[in-house]
Amino acid sequence: MKPSIRIIITAILVFASLYLFGFITHQVLSEKEETADIIVSNFVNHHFVSEGATEIMKVVTYFASKQFLIIAFLTLALWCVIFKKDKRLAIETMTIGLTGYLINAALKEMFQRVRPADPLLDPLRNFSYPSGHASSGIIFYGLLAYLIWQSDLSVLAKYISSILLIGFALLIGFSRIYLGMHYASDVAAGFCLGFSWLIISLWVVSRLRRRQS
């Protein structure tokens, strides 16, 4: 049986995302190419930074923090059990979130890139590359968008919700650059990692469910 167009497109997107992750990794860690990071950082500092914007970005960045995501994934799992009556979906949800976090943490330890100096928040002790906020944000809000598409909402509501969720995940990534917690390349790599892991995880979950049905 020939693979469907959707599977082919998905495979291309995952491959492109992983390729881009590898390219960024090579450029910034092997070649020490930091020109793009400097340009983005200077642009953000000169055009966006203000006292009011900083307070907003502090709030935005919280919604992909470890503290928030632990509560959010647990709440989502409980929703799956109580309202969806699907314990397996709850386990799958928690597994996707946890494995995504562990992969990001392992890569941080592997690459050991030092964070930018003089952030607008209290400095963190762990490493910078790839951005955990960007990666986890894409995984969590992308997973919410996926679950919405499995619901009985109207197509218009699904599109609007998905755009808002993914847009918010991207805004979280921007907040990490704005606050000086990450370089732009950290965030871009985090997006690539989170997106590819989410798609691969959902594909594996779908395959396992089909085999066992």
Protein backbone atom coordinates (compact mmCIF):
# COMPACT_ATOMS: atom_id res chain seq x y z
CA MET A 1 0.00 0.00 0.00
CA LYS A 2 1.37 3.35 -1.00
CA PRO A 3 1.84 5.87 1.82
CA SER A 4 -0.78 8.61 1.95
CA ILE A 5 0.01 12.20 1.07
CA ARG A 6 -0.42 13.15 4.73
CA ILE A 7 2.21 10.64 5.84
CA ILE A 8 4.63 11.84 3.17
CA ILE A 9 4.14 15.50 4.14
CA THR A 10 4.57 14.62 7.83
CA ALA A 11 7.77 12.70 7.12
CA ILE A 12 9.15 15.62 5.10
CA LEU A 13 8.36 18.08 7.91
CA VAL A 14 10.03 15.88 10.52
CA PHE A 15 13.09 15.34 8.33
CA ALA A 16 13.34 19.07 7.58
CA SER A 17 13.00 19.92 11.26
CA LEU A 18 15.71 17.46 12.32
CA TYR A 19 17.96 18.58 9.47
CA LEU A 20 17.57 22.21 10.54
CA PHE A 21 18.36 21.23 14.13
CA GLY A 22 21.54 19.52 12.95
CA PHE A 23 22.48 22.50 10.78
CA ILE A 24 22.02 24.98 13.63
CA THR A 25 23.97 22.73 15.98
CA HIS A 26 26.87 22.50 13.55
CA GLN A 27 26.94 26.24 12.87
CA VAL A 28 26.76 27.57 16.41
CA LEU A 29 28.57 24.82 18.32
CA SER A 30 31.10 23.43 15.87
CA GLU A 31 31.77 26.47 13.69
CA LYS A 32 31.17 28.98 16.52
CA GLU A 33 29.08 31.08 14.15
CA GLU A 34 27.24 33.60 16.33
CA THR A 35 26.58 36.43 13.86
CA ALA A 36 22.85 35.70 13.57
CA ASP A 37 22.48 35.47 17.36
CA ILE A 38 24.17 38.84 17.83
CA ILE A 39 22.05 40.50 15.14
CA VAL A 40 18.78 39.17 16.60
CA SER A 41 19.77 40.07 20.15
CA ASN A 42 20.73 43.61 19.20
CA PHE A 43 17.54 44.07 17.18
CA VAL A 44 15.35 42.90 20.06
CA ASN A 45 17.19 45.05 22.59
CA HIS A 46 16.96 48.19 20.45
CA HIS A 47 13.35 47.83 19.25
CA PHE A 48 11.36 45.90 21.84
CA VAL A 49 12.79 46.23 25.33
CA SER A 50 10.83 48.42 27.73
CA GLU A 51 9.73 48.16 31.34
CA GLY A 52 6.16 47.27 30.41
CA ALA A 53 7.16 44.73 27.77
CA THR A 54 9.55 43.07 30.21
CA GLU A 55 6.74 42.47 32.70
CA ILE A 56 4.61 40.95 29.92
CA MET A 57 7.43 38.69 28.77
CA LYS A 58 7.98 37.48 32.32
CA VAL A 59 4.36 36.34 32.42
CA VAL A 60 4.53 34.77 28.95
CA THR A 61 7.69 32.80 29.68
CA TYR A 62 6.13 31.31 32.83
CA PHE A 63 3.69 29.32 30.71
CA ALA A 64 6.46 27.02 29.51
CA SER A 65 8.35 26.83 32.81
CA LYS A 66 8.94 23.48 34.47
CA GLN A 67 6.71 24.49 37.38
CA PHE A 68 3.79 25.34 35.10
CA LEU A 69 4.18 22.38 32.76
CA ILE A 70 4.17 19.83 35.57
CA ILE A 71 0.79 21.15 36.70
CA ALA A 72 -0.44 21.55 33.12
CA PHE A 73 0.41 18.01 32.02
CA LEU A 74 -1.08 16.54 35.21
CA THR A 75 -4.25 18.57 34.65
CA LEU A 76 -4.41 17.43 31.04
CA ALA A 77 -3.95 13.81 32.10
CA LEU A 78 -6.76 14.14 34.65
CA TRP A 79 -8.97 15.65 31.95
CA CYS A 80 -8.28 12.62 29.76
CA VAL A 81 -9.30 10.28 32.58
CA ILE A 82 -12.31 12.15 33.91
CA PHE A 83 -13.87 13.65 30.82
CA LYS A 84 -12.50 11.54 27.97
CA LYS A 85 -12.62 8.29 29.99
CA ASP A 86 -9.32 7.40 28.37
CA LYS A 87 -6.60 6.36 30.82
CA ARG A 88 -4.36 5.33 27.97
CA LEU A 89 -4.50 8.83 26.47
CA ALA A 90 -3.55 10.24 29.87
CA ILE A 91 -0.50 7.97 30.02
CA GLU A 92 0.44 8.84 26.44
CA THR A 93 0.14 12.55 27.20
CA MET A 94 2.37 12.33 30.27
CA THR A 95 4.88 10.16 28.42
CA ILE A 96 5.20 12.58 25.51
CA GLY A 97 5.79 15.50 27.87
CA LEU A 98 8.26 13.65 30.09
CA THR A 99 10.32 12.14 27.28
CA GLY A 100 10.48 15.49 25.50
CA TYR A 101 11.81 17.11 28.67
CA LEU A 102 14.38 14.36 29.24
CA ILE A 103 15.67 14.52 25.67
CA ASN A 104 16.12 18.27 25.94
CA ALA A 105 17.88 17.96 29.30
CA ALA A 106 20.22 15.29 27.91
CA LEU A 107 21.10 17.46 24.91
CA LYS A 108 21.83 20.43 27.17
CA GLU A 109 24.33 18.31 29.08
CA MET A 110 25.81 17.01 25.85
CA PHE A 111 26.35 20.41 24.20
CA GLN A 112 26.98 22.48 27.37
CA ARG A 113 26.52 25.88 25.79
CA VAL A 114 26.81 28.71 28.27
CA ARG A 115 23.80 31.01 28.52
CA PRO A 116 23.93 34.69 27.46
CA ALA A 117 25.36 37.13 29.99
CA ASP A 118 23.22 39.69 31.85
CA PRO A 119 19.69 38.27 31.47
CA LEU A 120 16.64 40.21 32.65
CA LEU A 121 15.70 37.34 34.99
CA ASP A 122 17.70 35.58 37.66
CA PRO A 123 20.34 33.51 35.81
CA LEU A 124 19.81 29.75 35.55
CA ARG A 125 22.51 27.23 36.34
CA ASN A 126 21.80 24.77 33.55
CA PHE A 127 22.98 25.09 29.97
CA SER A 128 21.47 27.05 27.10
CA TYR A 129 21.24 24.81 24.03
CA PRO A 130 18.61 23.88 23.03
CA SER A 131 15.95 25.99 24.73
CA GLY A 132 13.77 23.88 27.01
CA HIS A 133 11.03 26.52 27.05
CA ALA A 134 10.87 26.52 23.25
CA SER A 135 10.94 22.73 22.99
CA SER A 136 8.46 22.05 25.79
CA GLY A 137 6.21 24.88 24.67
CA ILE A 138 5.87 23.44 21.18
CA ILE A 139 5.24 19.97 22.61
CA PHE A 140 2.58 21.05 25.11
CA TYR A 141 0.68 23.61 23.05
CA GLY A 142 1.09 21.50 19.92
CA LEU A 143 -0.38 18.55 21.82
CA LEU A 144 -3.32 20.72 22.90
CA ALA A 145 -3.87 21.69 19.27
CA TYR A 146 -3.79 18.01 18.27
CA LEU A 147 -6.36 17.09 20.93
CA ILE A 148 -8.59 19.95 19.80
CA TRP A 149 -8.51 18.57 16.27
CA GLN A 150 -9.70 15.23 17.66
CA SER A 151 -12.68 16.95 19.32
CA ASP A 152 -16.18 17.76 18.05
CA LEU A 153 -15.56 21.49 17.69
CA SER A 154 -16.29 23.17 14.40
CA VAL A 155 -13.53 23.35 11.82
CA LEU A 156 -13.35 27.12 12.24
CA ALA A 157 -12.93 26.78 16.01
CA LYS A 158 -10.22 24.18 15.49
CA TYR A 159 -8.28 26.44 13.14
CA ILE A 160 -8.57 29.48 15.42
CA SER A 161 -7.60 27.50 18.52
CA SER A 162 -4.63 25.88 16.82
CA ILE A 163 -3.33 29.17 15.44
CA LEU A 164 -3.60 30.80 18.88
CA LEU A 165 -1.89 27.91 20.64
CA ILE A 166 1.00 27.65 18.19
CA GLY A 167 1.30 31.43 18.10
CA PHE A 168 1.56 31.48 21.87
CA ALA A 169 4.25 28.78 21.79
CA LEU A 170 6.24 30.93 19.35
CA LEU A 171 5.75 33.96 21.60
CA ILE A 172 7.20 31.97 24.49
CA GLY A 173 10.28 31.33 22.38
CA PHE A 174 10.56 35.04 21.65
CA SER A 175 10.27 35.79 25.37
CA ARG A 176 13.39 33.71 26.04
CA ILE A 177 15.39 35.83 23.59
CA TYR A 178 13.85 39.05 24.90
CA LEU A 179 14.68 38.20 28.51
CA GLY A 180 18.24 37.28 27.59
CA MET A 181 17.86 33.71 28.80
CA HIS A 182 18.69 32.21 25.41
CA TYR A 183 20.28 32.97 22.09
CA ALA A 184 18.03 32.95 19.03
CA SER A 185 19.71 29.75 17.84
CA ASP A 186 18.84 28.06 21.16
CA VAL A 187 15.19 28.89 20.61
CA ALA A 188 15.17 27.86 16.94
CA ALA A 189 16.79 24.54 17.83
CA GLY A 190 14.28 24.06 20.64
CA PHE A 191 11.39 24.60 18.24
CA CYS A 192 12.85 22.05 15.81
CA LEU A 193 13.43 19.51 18.56
CA GLY A 194 10.00 19.93 20.13
CA PHE A 195 8.15 19.83 16.82
CA SER A 196 9.92 16.73 15.54
CA TRP A 197 9.53 14.86 18.85
CA LEU A 198 5.83 15.72 19.07
CA ILE A 199 5.13 14.50 15.54
CA ILE A 200 7.18 11.31 16.00
CA SER A 201 5.47 10.61 19.34
CA LEU A 202 1.98 11.08 17.93
CA TRP A 203 2.83 8.83 14.99
CA VAL A 204 4.11 6.08 17.31
CA VAL A 205 1.03 6.40 19.53
CA SER A 206 -1.25 6.20 16.50
CA ARG A 207 0.55 3.11 15.16
CA LEU A 208 0.40 1.32 18.50
CA ARG A 209 -3.30 2.03 18.86
CA ARG A 210 -4.04 0.70 15.38
CA ARG A 211 -2.10 -2.50 16.02
CA GLN A 212 -3.90 -3.15 19.28
CA SER A 213 -7.38 -2.27 18.02
